[in-house]
Amino acid sequence: MIFVTAADGKERYAGMAKHWIKQMETLKQRFEIYDLGGLGYGRVAGLAAPSIYAARRRKPSIIADAIERHPKETVIWLDVDAILVKPIPEIEDISYDIGVTYRGANRVYLNSGVVFCKPTTAARRFISLWHEEIPLVLDASDTRNGDQFYLNQLVFRGAKKGEAFLNKTKKIEGAQVHFFDLHQYNAYRPMVRDKNPKQDESIIQDESIIHFLGVGLEQYKEYLKEWGLNG
């Protein structure tokens, strides 16, 4: 397997990219990083983005490029603010084409910060469909959340009310899509820190990937240091 992320030269993302790489090296994981502009290293994404709406297509475009570059490997996309806590060889043991992280029964919702892609034709086609699902031109008042909104739209378009998804594999647009538990493979932290410090103490044992949503660079580094994740 190979982990893939992308960042630009802005202070927050460039800083997180350095720690992302250091953690991958510590865990002896193969990885590739894409330069969205100004990062100064990595594979240049080379994706024209004349508008913010075109930029929304970047993630599936980069994943598609990584799949083509590593045709025999499982490609795992992580947002640069999502960090691997420990190796996850178990994700290779499940039969699927695409893996997504599912929040749970109360909200039909996927977070696109972590996406698993097996080396299959069906996986490549699904990523292409996701890319095409995102319109190049939207009304300026559109507030939908880019690639993530359209991934949800693609996955749940034919879903039935009350249908179970967690830890299930469903055939969607010709691909076997597995719904991994978001709380293990894309855990939102540190939102609960001040509310439940005991929960934070068990983070390393229980969660494989932590996603630092809305966290500034300095706070991010403090958490990594506290949790022994190359801060």
Protein backbone atom coordinates (compact mmCIF):
# COMPACT_ATOMS: atom_id res chain seq x y z
CA MET A 1 0.00 0.00 0.00
CA ILE A 2 1.01 3.61 -0.51
CA PHE A 3 -0.30 6.70 1.27
CA VAL A 4 -0.93 9.87 -0.72
CA THR A 5 -1.58 13.47 0.32
CA ALA A 6 -1.26 16.98 -1.08
CA ALA A 7 -0.41 20.43 0.27
CA ASP A 8 0.41 23.92 -0.90
CA GLY A 9 2.92 26.40 0.44
CA LYS A 10 0.64 28.07 2.97
CA GLU A 11 2.12 27.94 6.47
CA ARG A 12 -0.53 25.66 8.01
CA TYR A 13 -0.53 23.05 5.28
CA ALA A 14 3.21 23.14 4.58
CA GLY A 15 3.87 22.70 8.31
CA MET A 16 1.46 19.81 8.59
CA ALA A 17 3.00 18.18 5.52
CA LYS A 18 6.41 18.02 7.25
CA HIS A 19 4.93 16.21 10.25
CA TRP A 20 2.81 13.97 8.00
CA ILE A 21 5.96 12.84 6.18
CA LYS A 22 7.93 12.37 9.41
CA GLN A 23 5.20 10.14 10.85
CA MET A 24 5.08 8.04 7.67
CA GLU A 25 8.86 7.60 7.83
CA THR A 26 8.68 6.65 11.51
CA LEU A 27 6.06 3.99 10.75
CA LYS A 28 8.06 2.84 7.69
CA GLN A 29 5.15 3.42 5.33
CA ARG A 30 5.45 4.17 1.63
CA PHE A 31 4.05 7.56 0.70
CA GLU A 32 3.82 10.24 -1.96
CA ILE A 33 3.00 13.92 -1.57
CA TYR A 34 1.68 16.24 -4.26
CA ASP A 35 2.61 19.91 -4.47
CA LEU A 36 -0.48 22.06 -5.06
CA GLY A 37 1.68 25.13 -5.50
CA GLY A 38 4.41 26.69 -3.39
CA LEU A 39 5.26 23.62 -1.32
CA GLY A 40 8.63 23.25 -3.06
CA TYR A 41 8.86 19.46 -3.12
CA GLY A 42 6.83 16.40 -4.04
CA ARG A 43 5.06 15.57 -7.27
CA VAL A 44 3.66 18.66 -8.93
CA ALA A 45 -0.08 18.21 -9.20
CA GLY A 46 -0.22 20.06 -12.53
CA LEU A 47 -3.97 20.54 -12.20
CA ALA A 48 -5.29 23.71 -13.74
CA ALA A 49 -7.79 25.40 -11.45
CA PRO A 50 -9.22 28.54 -13.10
CA SER A 51 -11.81 28.80 -10.34
CA ILE A 52 -12.49 27.49 -6.84
CA TYR A 53 -14.99 25.10 -8.39
CA ALA A 54 -12.39 23.53 -10.68
CA ALA A 55 -10.12 23.21 -7.65
CA ARG A 56 -12.79 21.04 -6.04
CA ARG A 57 -11.88 18.34 -8.56
CA ARG A 58 -8.28 18.17 -7.38
CA LYS A 59 -8.66 15.34 -4.89
CA PRO A 60 -10.17 12.73 -7.23
CA SER A 61 -7.75 13.89 -9.94
CA ILE A 62 -4.73 13.31 -7.68
CA ILE A 63 -6.06 9.95 -6.51
CA ALA A 64 -6.57 8.91 -10.13
CA ASP A 65 -2.99 9.93 -10.95
CA ALA A 66 -1.64 7.99 -7.96
CA ILE A 67 -3.60 4.88 -8.99
CA GLU A 68 -2.10 5.05 -12.48
CA ARG A 69 1.41 5.53 -11.07
CA HIS A 70 1.04 2.60 -8.65
CA PRO A 71 -1.20 0.17 -10.55
CA LYS A 72 -0.49 -2.86 -8.33
CA GLU A 73 -0.88 -1.20 -4.94
CA THR A 74 -3.68 -0.07 -2.68
CA VAL A 75 -3.64 3.73 -2.73
CA ILE A 76 -4.77 5.43 0.48
CA TRP A 77 -5.62 9.10 0.31
CA LEU A 78 -5.19 11.10 3.54
CA ASP A 79 -5.82 14.82 3.81
CA VAL A 80 -2.63 16.46 5.01
CA ASP A 81 -4.30 17.23 8.36
CA ALA A 82 -5.08 13.52 8.83
CA ILE A 83 -2.22 11.58 10.38
CA LEU A 84 -1.56 7.84 10.57
CA VAL A 85 -1.23 6.66 14.19
CA LYS A 86 -0.24 3.06 13.43
CA PRO A 87 0.07 0.74 10.41
CA ILE A 88 -3.23 -0.59 9.05
CA PRO A 89 -2.42 -3.87 7.24
CA GLU A 90 -5.90 -5.18 8.09
CA ILE A 91 -7.50 -2.98 5.41
CA GLU A 92 -5.90 -5.22 2.79
CA ASP A 93 -7.72 -8.30 4.12
CA ILE A 94 -11.19 -7.06 3.16
CA SER A 95 -12.51 -7.56 -0.37
CA TYR A 96 -13.54 -4.21 -1.89
CA ASP A 97 -12.64 -1.74 -4.63
CA ILE A 98 -13.18 1.54 -2.77
CA GLY A 99 -13.12 2.14 0.98
CA VAL A 100 -14.80 5.14 2.57
CA THR A 101 -15.14 6.25 6.19
CA TYR A 102 -18.70 6.35 7.49
CA ARG A 103 -19.79 8.50 10.40
CA GLY A 104 -22.64 6.27 11.61
CA ALA A 105 -26.33 5.55 11.59
CA ASN A 106 -27.49 8.94 12.85
CA ARG A 107 -26.05 10.82 9.89
CA VAL A 108 -25.65 9.46 6.38
CA TYR A 109 -22.31 11.09 5.92
CA LEU A 110 -18.84 10.33 4.59
CA ASN A 111 -15.72 12.39 5.14
CA SER A 112 -13.50 12.44 2.07
CA GLY A 113 -10.34 13.04 4.10
CA VAL A 114 -9.59 9.31 3.96
CA VAL A 115 -10.26 7.15 0.88
CA PHE A 116 -8.98 3.63 0.20
CA CYS A 117 -8.51 2.47 -3.41
CA LYS A 118 -7.66 -1.11 -4.31
CA PRO A 119 -5.78 -1.72 -7.61
CA THR A 120 -8.87 -2.65 -9.63
CA THR A 121 -10.56 -1.43 -12.78
CA ALA A 122 -13.74 -0.80 -10.80
CA ALA A 123 -11.85 1.45 -8.35
CA ARG A 124 -10.37 3.50 -11.18
CA ARG A 125 -13.79 3.90 -12.77
CA PHE A 126 -15.38 4.93 -9.47
CA ILE A 127 -12.77 7.65 -8.88
CA SER A 128 -13.40 8.88 -12.43
CA LEU A 129 -17.14 9.01 -11.75
CA TRP A 130 -16.48 11.00 -8.56
CA HIS A 131 -14.37 13.44 -10.56
CA GLU A 132 -17.10 13.85 -13.16
CA GLU A 133 -19.76 14.22 -10.46
CA ILE A 134 -18.22 17.57 -9.47
CA PRO A 135 -19.37 20.29 -11.87
CA LEU A 136 -16.75 22.66 -13.21
CA VAL A 137 -19.10 25.61 -12.99
CA LEU A 138 -21.46 26.27 -10.10
CA ASP A 139 -23.58 29.21 -9.11
CA ALA A 140 -21.53 31.63 -7.02
CA SER A 141 -23.96 31.22 -4.13
CA ASP A 142 -23.44 27.45 -3.98
CA THR A 143 -22.18 26.49 -0.52
CA ARG A 144 -21.85 22.74 -0.96
CA ASN A 145 -18.64 21.25 0.36
CA GLY A 146 -16.78 20.47 -2.82
CA ASP A 147 -15.43 16.98 -3.40
CA GLN A 148 -16.89 15.68 -0.14
CA PHE A 149 -20.45 16.72 -0.95
CA TYR A 150 -20.24 15.03 -4.35
CA LEU A 151 -18.70 11.85 -2.96
CA ASN A 152 -21.67 11.57 -0.63
CA GLN A 153 -24.04 12.27 -3.50
CA LEU A 154 -22.45 9.56 -5.64
CA VAL A 155 -22.40 6.94 -2.89
CA PHE A 156 -25.85 7.49 -1.39
CA ARG A 157 -27.86 8.34 -4.51
CA GLY A 158 -29.65 4.98 -4.52
CA ALA A 159 -29.65 4.38 -0.77
CA LYS A 160 -32.82 3.24 0.97
CA LYS A 161 -34.10 4.90 4.11
CA GLY A 162 -32.78 3.09 7.18
CA GLU A 163 -30.27 1.05 5.16
CA ALA A 164 -27.27 -0.18 7.19
CA PHE A 165 -23.81 0.78 5.96
CA LEU A 166 -21.27 0.57 8.81
CA ASN A 167 -18.70 -2.18 8.14
CA LYS A 168 -20.74 -3.29 5.13
CA THR A 169 -19.70 -3.63 1.49
CA LYS A 170 -22.16 -2.35 -1.12
CA LYS A 171 -22.05 -2.46 -4.91
CA ILE A 172 -22.26 1.14 -6.11
CA GLU A 173 -21.75 2.21 -9.72
CA GLY A 174 -20.11 -1.13 -10.47
CA ALA A 175 -17.63 -0.93 -7.57
CA GLN A 176 -17.61 -2.79 -4.27
CA VAL A 177 -17.59 0.04 -1.72
CA HIS A 178 -16.70 -0.80 1.88
CA PHE A 179 -17.86 1.48 4.70
CA PHE A 180 -15.08 1.63 7.30
CA ASP A 181 -15.79 3.02 10.75
CA LEU A 182 -14.89 6.71 10.70
CA HIS A 183 -14.19 6.61 14.42
CA GLN A 184 -11.24 4.29 13.83
CA TYR A 185 -9.97 5.25 10.39
CA ASN A 186 -10.79 8.97 10.24
CA ALA A 187 -11.29 10.05 13.84
CA TYR A 188 -12.21 13.68 14.29
CA ARG A 189 -9.90 15.14 16.91
CA PRO A 190 -9.34 17.05 19.08
CA MET A 191 -12.89 18.40 19.24
CA VAL A 192 -13.74 16.35 22.35
CA ARG A 193 -10.51 17.06 24.20
CA ASP A 194 -11.76 19.52 26.80
CA LYS A 195 -15.08 17.75 27.20
CA ASN A 196 -13.65 14.29 27.80
CA PRO A 197 -9.91 14.21 28.58
CA LYS A 198 -10.06 10.52 29.50
CA GLN A 199 -11.16 9.73 25.97
CA ASP A 200 -8.10 11.57 24.69
CA GLU A 201 -5.79 9.42 26.83
CA SER A 202 -6.82 6.27 24.96
CA ILE A 203 -6.42 7.78 21.52
CA ILE A 204 -3.32 5.84 20.52
CA GLN A 205 -4.84 2.47 21.42
CA ASP A 206 -8.22 2.93 19.79
CA GLU A 207 -7.72 4.96 16.62
CA SER A 208 -5.65 4.33 13.54
CA ILE A 209 -6.01 7.65 11.72
CA ILE A 210 -6.66 11.01 13.39
CA HIS A 211 -8.12 13.92 11.40
CA PHE A 212 -7.33 17.32 12.91
CA LEU A 213 -10.25 19.34 11.56
CA GLY A 214 -10.08 23.09 12.05
CA VAL A 215 -6.90 23.01 14.12
CA GLY A 216 -4.18 25.64 13.71
CA LEU A 217 -0.58 24.61 13.10
CA GLU A 218 0.73 25.40 16.58
CA GLN A 219 -2.11 23.56 18.32
CA TYR A 220 -1.61 20.67 15.89
CA LYS A 221 2.06 20.42 16.84
CA GLU A 222 1.19 20.51 20.53
CA TYR A 223 -1.17 17.57 20.13
CA LEU A 224 1.38 15.57 18.15
CA LYS A 225 4.02 16.14 20.80
CA GLU A 226 1.63 15.23 23.62
CA TRP A 227 0.60 12.01 21.88
CA GLY A 228 4.12 11.06 20.77
CA LEU A 229 3.36 11.48 17.09
CA ASN A 230 6.53 13.26 15.96
CA GLY A 231 5.45 16.69 17.08
